[in-house]
Amino acid sequence: MELSRKGFLGLGASGVAAVAGGALGAGAGFAAPPPATPQGDDVGVLTFGVVAERTALAFYRKALRTPKLFDAAERRRLMGARAAKREHVTRINAALGADAVGSADYRAEFPKRAFSTHDLALALDELIRVPGSPGGG
């Protein structure tokens, strides 16, 4: 029997479908992981993470509300970063559960001049970025 590459790949796909479709039982191989349960210092680290992400989120909101500070391409990147920060806060707070950090728990305040020029806003952005975040180190 001759088997083409397409036929071989088709066999692989049908095998995966068979496993996912019931060979192991419905959803057995794809069950959701158990919810995170922070312990010990985890709560403090995650709380710090939420505060840092909320501070960056406040920066992006203020930057986007300041007229003529950023060009259209920069504004698109800021909107993407703002959306990512919202998602980070949601996910970290979900892990914190009852210890979640609410928006009323603290307030991020920036120097009055921080958004007076493009260069000053960028300098502040460098100070508040979280490593590994969009635009971060």
N, C-alpha and C. Protein backbone atom coordinates (compact mmCIF):
# COMPACT_ATOMS: atom_id res chain seq x y z
N MET A 1 0.84 -1.17 0.00
CA MET A 1 0.00 0.00 0.00
C MET A 1 0.89 1.24 0.00
N GLU A 2 0.58 2.18 -0.86
CA GLU A 2 1.33 3.41 -0.97
C GLU A 2 0.61 4.50 -0.16
N LEU A 3 1.39 5.29 0.60
CA LEU A 3 0.79 6.34 1.44
C LEU A 3 1.46 7.66 1.11
N SER A 4 0.68 8.63 0.69
CA SER A 4 1.22 9.96 0.40
C SER A 4 1.39 10.75 1.70
N ARG A 5 2.09 11.87 1.59
CA ARG A 5 2.26 12.74 2.77
C ARG A 5 0.90 13.22 3.27
N LYS A 6 0.04 13.60 2.31
CA LYS A 6 -1.30 14.07 2.68
C LYS A 6 -2.07 12.96 3.41
N GLY A 7 -1.97 11.74 2.92
CA GLY A 7 -2.64 10.62 3.56
C GLY A 7 -2.11 10.35 4.95
N PHE A 8 -0.77 10.44 5.09
CA PHE A 8 -0.13 10.23 6.39
C PHE A 8 -0.61 11.28 7.39
N LEU A 9 -0.61 12.56 6.96
CA LEU A 9 -1.05 13.63 7.85
C LEU A 9 -2.53 13.47 8.19
N GLY A 10 -3.32 12.97 7.23
CA GLY A 10 -4.73 12.73 7.49
C GLY A 10 -4.94 11.66 8.54
N LEU A 11 -4.09 10.63 8.53
CA LEU A 11 -4.16 9.59 9.56
C LEU A 11 -3.87 10.18 10.93
N GLY A 12 -2.85 11.05 10.98
CA GLY A 12 -2.52 11.69 12.25
C GLY A 12 -3.66 12.53 12.78
N ALA A 13 -4.29 13.30 11.88
CA ALA A 13 -5.40 14.16 12.30
C ALA A 13 -6.59 13.32 12.75
N SER A 14 -6.86 12.21 12.05
CA SER A 14 -8.00 11.39 12.47
C SER A 14 -7.71 10.70 13.80
N GLY A 15 -6.44 10.38 14.07
CA GLY A 15 -6.08 9.79 15.35
C GLY A 15 -6.27 10.76 16.49
N VAL A 16 -5.86 12.00 16.28
CA VAL A 16 -6.06 13.03 17.31
C VAL A 16 -7.54 13.24 17.54
N ALA A 17 -8.32 13.28 16.46
CA ALA A 17 -9.76 13.49 16.59
C ALA A 17 -10.40 12.33 17.36
N ALA A 18 -9.94 11.10 17.11
CA ALA A 18 -10.50 9.95 17.82
C ALA A 18 -10.20 10.03 19.31
N VAL A 19 -8.98 10.42 19.65
CA VAL A 19 -8.61 10.54 21.06
C VAL A 19 -9.43 11.64 21.72
N ALA A 20 -9.51 12.80 21.07
CA ALA A 20 -10.24 13.93 21.64
C ALA A 20 -11.73 13.66 21.67
N GLY A 21 -12.23 12.88 20.71
CA GLY A 21 -13.65 12.67 20.58
C GLY A 21 -14.23 11.58 21.46
N GLY A 22 -13.41 10.82 22.15
CA GLY A 22 -14.03 9.86 23.01
C GLY A 22 -13.20 8.64 23.35
N ALA A 23 -12.10 8.43 22.69
CA ALA A 23 -11.30 7.26 23.00
C ALA A 23 -10.85 7.29 24.46
N LEU A 24 -10.61 8.48 24.99
CA LEU A 24 -10.22 8.60 26.40
C LEU A 24 -11.39 9.02 27.28
N GLY A 25 -12.54 9.17 26.69
CA GLY A 25 -13.69 9.67 27.44
C GLY A 25 -13.85 11.15 27.16
N ALA A 26 -15.02 11.66 27.27
CA ALA A 26 -15.31 13.04 26.93
C ALA A 26 -14.48 14.00 27.77
N GLY A 27 -13.62 14.72 27.11
CA GLY A 27 -12.84 15.77 27.75
C GLY A 27 -11.75 15.30 28.68
N ALA A 28 -11.45 14.02 28.75
CA ALA A 28 -10.47 13.52 29.70
C ALA A 28 -9.09 14.13 29.48
N GLY A 29 -8.71 14.30 28.23
CA GLY A 29 -7.38 14.83 27.95
C GLY A 29 -7.31 16.34 27.98
N PHE A 30 -8.45 17.00 28.05
CA PHE A 30 -8.47 18.45 27.94
C PHE A 30 -9.16 19.12 29.12
N ALA A 31 -9.10 18.54 30.26
CA ALA A 31 -9.76 19.11 31.44
C ALA A 31 -9.04 20.40 31.85
N ALA A 32 -9.79 21.34 32.36
CA ALA A 32 -9.22 22.59 32.83
C ALA A 32 -8.36 22.34 34.05
N PRO A 33 -7.25 23.08 34.17
CA PRO A 33 -6.42 22.90 35.35
C PRO A 33 -7.17 23.38 36.59
N PRO A 34 -6.79 22.87 37.74
CA PRO A 34 -7.47 23.31 38.97
C PRO A 34 -7.20 24.79 39.20
N PRO A 35 -8.12 25.49 39.87
CA PRO A 35 -7.90 26.92 40.13
C PRO A 35 -6.65 27.14 40.98
N ALA A 36 -6.01 28.27 40.74
CA ALA A 36 -4.80 28.61 41.50
C ALA A 36 -5.16 28.85 42.96
N THR A 37 -4.30 28.41 43.84
CA THR A 37 -4.50 28.65 45.27
C THR A 37 -3.21 29.21 45.84
N PRO A 38 -3.07 30.55 45.83
CA PRO A 38 -1.86 31.15 46.35
C PRO A 38 -1.67 30.82 47.82
N GLN A 39 -0.42 30.61 48.20
CA GLN A 39 -0.09 30.28 49.58
C GLN A 39 1.11 31.10 50.02
N GLY A 40 1.17 31.40 51.28
CA GLY A 40 2.31 32.09 51.85
C GLY A 40 2.60 33.41 51.16
N ASP A 41 3.84 33.56 50.70
CA ASP A 41 4.27 34.80 50.05
C ASP A 41 3.60 35.03 48.70
N ASP A 42 2.97 34.00 48.14
CA ASP A 42 2.30 34.15 46.84
C ASP A 42 1.30 35.30 46.85
N VAL A 43 0.55 35.43 47.94
CA VAL A 43 -0.47 36.47 48.02
C VAL A 43 0.17 37.85 47.91
N GLY A 44 1.27 38.05 48.61
CA GLY A 44 1.95 39.35 48.55
C GLY A 44 2.51 39.64 47.17
N VAL A 45 3.08 38.63 46.56
CA VAL A 45 3.65 38.82 45.22
C VAL A 45 2.54 39.13 44.22
N LEU A 46 1.46 38.39 44.27
CA LEU A 46 0.35 38.64 43.35
C LEU A 46 -0.30 39.99 43.61
N THR A 47 -0.42 40.36 44.88
CA THR A 47 -0.98 41.68 45.21
C THR A 47 -0.10 42.78 44.64
N PHE A 48 1.21 42.65 44.80
CA PHE A 48 2.13 43.62 44.21
C PHE A 48 1.93 43.67 42.70
N GLY A 49 1.77 42.51 42.08
CA GLY A 49 1.57 42.45 40.63
C GLY A 49 0.32 43.19 40.19
N VAL A 50 -0.77 43.03 40.94
CA VAL A 50 -2.00 43.74 40.58
C VAL A 50 -1.81 45.25 40.72
N VAL A 51 -1.17 45.68 41.80
CA VAL A 51 -0.94 47.11 42.00
C VAL A 51 -0.07 47.66 40.87
N ALA A 52 0.97 46.95 40.50
CA ALA A 52 1.84 47.39 39.40
C ALA A 52 1.07 47.45 38.08
N GLU A 53 0.27 46.44 37.81
CA GLU A 53 -0.49 46.43 36.56
C GLU A 53 -1.57 47.51 36.57
N ARG A 54 -2.20 47.75 37.71
CA ARG A 54 -3.20 48.82 37.78
C ARG A 54 -2.55 50.19 37.62
N THR A 55 -1.33 50.35 38.11
CA THR A 55 -0.62 51.62 37.94
C THR A 55 -0.31 51.84 36.46
N ALA A 56 0.17 50.80 35.79
CA ALA A 56 0.44 50.91 34.36
C ALA A 56 -0.86 51.17 33.59
N LEU A 57 -1.93 50.52 33.98
CA LEU A 57 -3.23 50.74 33.35
C LEU A 57 -3.66 52.19 33.50
N ALA A 58 -3.47 52.76 34.69
CA ALA A 58 -3.81 54.17 34.92
C ALA A 58 -2.97 55.07 34.02
N PHE A 59 -1.69 54.73 33.83
CA PHE A 59 -0.84 55.50 32.93
C PHE A 59 -1.41 55.48 31.51
N TYR A 60 -1.75 54.30 31.01
CA TYR A 60 -2.26 54.20 29.64
C TYR A 60 -3.58 54.94 29.48
N ARG A 61 -4.43 54.87 30.48
CA ARG A 61 -5.70 55.61 30.41
C ARG A 61 -5.45 57.12 30.33
N LYS A 62 -4.58 57.60 31.21
CA LYS A 62 -4.28 59.05 31.22
C LYS A 62 -3.60 59.47 29.92
N ALA A 63 -2.68 58.67 29.43
CA ALA A 63 -1.98 58.99 28.18
C ALA A 63 -2.97 59.07 27.02
N LEU A 64 -3.92 58.17 26.98
CA LEU A 64 -4.89 58.17 25.89
C LEU A 64 -5.90 59.31 26.02
N ARG A 65 -6.12 59.80 27.23
CA ARG A 65 -7.04 60.93 27.42
C ARG A 65 -6.38 62.28 27.18
N THR A 66 -5.06 62.30 27.09
CA THR A 66 -4.35 63.56 26.89
C THR A 66 -4.29 63.86 25.40
N PRO A 67 -4.95 64.93 24.95
CA PRO A 67 -5.00 65.22 23.51
C PRO A 67 -3.62 65.57 22.93
N LYS A 68 -3.40 65.10 21.73
CA LYS A 68 -2.23 65.45 20.91
C LYS A 68 -0.89 65.04 21.51
N LEU A 69 -0.90 64.14 22.47
CA LEU A 69 0.34 63.72 23.11
C LEU A 69 1.04 62.63 22.29
N PHE A 70 0.24 61.75 21.68
CA PHE A 70 0.79 60.63 20.92
C PHE A 70 0.17 60.60 19.53
N ASP A 71 0.94 60.13 18.56
CA ASP A 71 0.41 60.02 17.19
C ASP A 71 -0.48 58.78 17.09
N ALA A 72 -1.08 58.58 15.94
CA ALA A 72 -2.05 57.50 15.75
C ALA A 72 -1.45 56.11 16.00
N ALA A 73 -0.25 55.87 15.51
CA ALA A 73 0.40 54.56 15.71
C ALA A 73 0.70 54.32 17.19
N GLU A 74 1.17 55.34 17.88
CA GLU A 74 1.45 55.22 19.31
C GLU A 74 0.16 54.97 20.09
N ARG A 75 -0.90 55.65 19.70
CA ARG A 75 -2.19 55.46 20.37
C ARG A 75 -2.70 54.03 20.21
N ARG A 76 -2.51 53.45 19.02
CA ARG A 76 -2.91 52.05 18.81
C ARG A 76 -2.13 51.13 19.74
N ARG A 77 -0.82 51.37 19.88
CA ARG A 77 -0.01 50.55 20.79
C ARG A 77 -0.45 50.76 22.24
N LEU A 78 -0.74 51.99 22.60
CA LEU A 78 -1.22 52.27 23.96
C LEU A 78 -2.55 51.55 24.24
N MET A 79 -3.44 51.54 23.25
CA MET A 79 -4.73 50.86 23.43
C MET A 79 -4.52 49.35 23.60
N GLY A 80 -3.59 48.78 22.84
CA GLY A 80 -3.28 47.36 23.00
C GLY A 80 -2.69 47.06 24.36
N ALA A 81 -1.79 47.92 24.82
CA ALA A 81 -1.18 47.74 26.14
C ALA A 81 -2.23 47.89 27.23
N ARG A 82 -3.13 48.85 27.07
CA ARG A 82 -4.20 49.06 28.05
C ARG A 82 -5.08 47.81 28.16
N ALA A 83 -5.42 47.23 27.02
CA ALA A 83 -6.24 46.01 27.03
C ALA A 83 -5.50 44.86 27.71
N ALA A 84 -4.19 44.75 27.45
CA ALA A 84 -3.39 43.69 28.09
C ALA A 84 -3.34 43.89 29.60
N LYS A 85 -3.21 45.13 30.05
CA LYS A 85 -3.17 45.40 31.49
C LYS A 85 -4.49 45.02 32.14
N ARG A 86 -5.61 45.34 31.49
CA ARG A 86 -6.91 44.95 32.03
C ARG A 86 -6.98 43.43 32.21
N GLU A 87 -6.53 42.71 31.19
CA GLU A 87 -6.54 41.25 31.24
C GLU A 87 -5.64 40.73 32.36
N HIS A 88 -4.47 41.33 32.52
CA HIS A 88 -3.55 40.91 33.59
C HIS A 88 -4.19 41.10 34.96
N VAL A 89 -4.81 42.25 35.17
CA VAL A 89 -5.45 42.53 36.46
C VAL A 89 -6.55 41.51 36.72
N THR A 90 -7.35 41.23 35.72
CA THR A 90 -8.45 40.27 35.87
C THR A 90 -7.92 38.89 36.23
N ARG A 91 -6.88 38.45 35.54
CA ARG A 91 -6.35 37.10 35.77
C ARG A 91 -5.66 36.98 37.13
N ILE A 92 -4.89 37.99 37.50
CA ILE A 92 -4.20 37.93 38.79
C ILE A 92 -5.22 37.99 39.93
N ASN A 93 -6.20 38.89 39.79
CA ASN A 93 -7.23 38.99 40.83
C ASN A 93 -8.03 37.70 40.95
N ALA A 94 -8.24 37.01 39.84
CA ALA A 94 -8.94 35.73 39.90
C ALA A 94 -8.16 34.73 40.76
N ALA A 95 -6.85 34.76 40.62
CA ALA A 95 -6.01 33.86 41.43
C ALA A 95 -6.04 34.28 42.90
N LEU A 96 -6.16 35.57 43.17
CA LEU A 96 -6.20 36.05 44.55
C LEU A 96 -7.53 35.75 45.23
N GLY A 97 -8.58 35.58 44.46
CA GLY A 97 -9.89 35.27 45.04
C GLY A 97 -10.36 36.33 46.01
N ALA A 98 -10.59 35.95 47.26
CA ALA A 98 -11.10 36.87 48.28
C ALA A 98 -10.11 37.99 48.59
N ASP A 99 -8.83 37.80 48.27
CA ASP A 99 -7.81 38.82 48.51
C ASP A 99 -7.60 39.74 47.31
N ALA A 100 -8.49 39.68 46.32
CA ALA A 100 -8.34 40.48 45.10
C ALA A 100 -8.23 41.97 45.45
N VAL A 101 -7.44 42.68 44.64
CA VAL A 101 -7.23 44.12 44.83
C VAL A 101 -8.24 44.87 43.97
N GLY A 102 -9.10 45.64 44.61
CA GLY A 102 -10.12 46.41 43.90
C GLY A 102 -9.61 47.77 43.48
N SER A 103 -10.31 48.39 42.55
CA SER A 103 -9.89 49.70 42.07
C SER A 103 -9.99 50.77 43.15
N ALA A 104 -10.81 50.55 44.16
CA ALA A 104 -10.94 51.51 45.26
C ALA A 104 -9.91 51.30 46.36
N ASP A 105 -9.10 50.25 46.25
CA ASP A 105 -8.13 49.94 47.30
C ASP A 105 -6.92 50.88 47.31
N TYR A 106 -6.66 51.53 46.22
CA TYR A 106 -5.56 52.50 46.14
C TYR A 106 -5.78 53.37 44.92
N ARG A 107 -5.01 54.44 44.82
CA ARG A 107 -5.15 55.35 43.68
C ARG A 107 -3.76 55.68 43.16
N ALA A 108 -3.57 55.52 41.86
CA ALA A 108 -2.29 55.89 41.23
C ALA A 108 -2.34 57.38 40.90
N GLU A 109 -1.33 58.09 41.37
CA GLU A 109 -1.22 59.52 41.06
C GLU A 109 0.11 59.77 40.39
N PHE A 110 0.09 60.60 39.36
CA PHE A 110 1.29 60.92 38.60
C PHE A 110 1.60 62.40 38.77
N PRO A 111 2.87 62.76 38.64
CA PRO A 111 3.23 64.18 38.72
C PRO A 111 2.43 64.99 37.69
N LYS A 112 2.05 66.19 38.05
CA LYS A 112 1.22 67.02 37.17
C LYS A 112 1.86 67.25 35.80
N ARG A 113 3.16 67.38 35.76
CA ARG A 113 3.86 67.65 34.49
C ARG A 113 4.08 66.39 33.66
N ALA A 114 3.80 65.22 34.21
CA ALA A 114 4.15 63.96 33.55
C ALA A 114 3.56 63.82 32.15
N PHE A 115 2.41 64.42 31.90
CA PHE A 115 1.76 64.30 30.60
C PHE A 115 1.74 65.63 29.85
N SER A 116 2.65 66.53 30.22
CA SER A 116 2.69 67.83 29.55
C SER A 116 3.45 67.77 28.22
N THR A 117 4.35 66.81 28.07
CA THR A 117 5.06 66.64 26.80
C THR A 117 5.19 65.15 26.49
N HIS A 118 5.42 64.88 25.24
CA HIS A 118 5.62 63.50 24.78
C HIS A 118 6.80 62.87 25.50
N ASP A 119 7.93 63.58 25.60
CA ASP A 119 9.14 63.04 26.23
C ASP A 119 8.93 62.74 27.72
N LEU A 120 8.25 63.63 28.43
CA LEU A 120 7.99 63.38 29.85
C LEU A 120 7.07 62.18 30.05
N ALA A 121 6.08 62.02 29.20
CA ALA A 121 5.19 60.86 29.30
C ALA A 121 5.97 59.58 29.04
N LEU A 122 6.84 59.58 28.05
CA LEU A 122 7.65 58.39 27.76
C LEU A 122 8.61 58.08 28.91
N ALA A 123 9.17 59.11 29.53
CA ALA A 123 10.07 58.90 30.67
C ALA A 123 9.31 58.24 31.83
N LEU A 124 8.08 58.68 32.08
CA LEU A 124 7.27 58.08 33.14
C LEU A 124 6.93 56.63 32.78
N ASP A 125 6.63 56.40 31.52
CA ASP A 125 6.32 55.03 31.08
C ASP A 125 7.48 54.10 31.37
N GLU A 126 8.68 54.55 31.16
CA GLU A 126 9.87 53.73 31.44
C GLU A 126 9.96 53.37 32.93
N LEU A 127 9.54 54.29 33.78
CA LEU A 127 9.62 54.06 35.23
C LEU A 127 8.59 53.05 35.73
N ILE A 128 7.42 53.00 35.10
CA ILE A 128 6.35 52.18 35.65
C ILE A 128 6.14 50.85 34.94
N ARG A 129 6.88 50.57 33.91
CA ARG A 129 6.66 49.32 33.17
C ARG A 129 6.98 48.10 34.02
N VAL A 130 6.20 47.06 33.81
CA VAL A 130 6.40 45.79 34.49
C VAL A 130 7.18 44.88 33.55
N PRO A 131 8.32 44.31 33.99
CA PRO A 131 9.06 43.42 33.10
C PRO A 131 8.18 42.31 32.55
N GLY A 132 8.33 42.04 31.25
CA GLY A 132 7.58 40.99 30.60
C GLY A 132 6.22 41.45 30.08
N SER A 133 5.85 42.71 30.33
CA SER A 133 4.56 43.19 29.85
C SER A 133 4.75 43.83 28.48
N PRO A 134 3.65 44.12 27.76
CA PRO A 134 3.79 44.76 26.45
C PRO A 134 4.59 46.04 26.57
N GLY A 135 5.65 46.12 25.84
CA GLY A 135 6.53 47.28 25.90
C GLY A 135 7.48 47.23 27.07
N GLY A 136 7.33 46.26 27.96
CA GLY A 136 8.18 46.15 29.14
C GLY A 136 9.43 45.36 28.87
N GLY A 137 10.33 45.31 29.85
CA GLY A 137 11.59 44.62 29.69
C GLY A 137 11.54 43.18 30.05
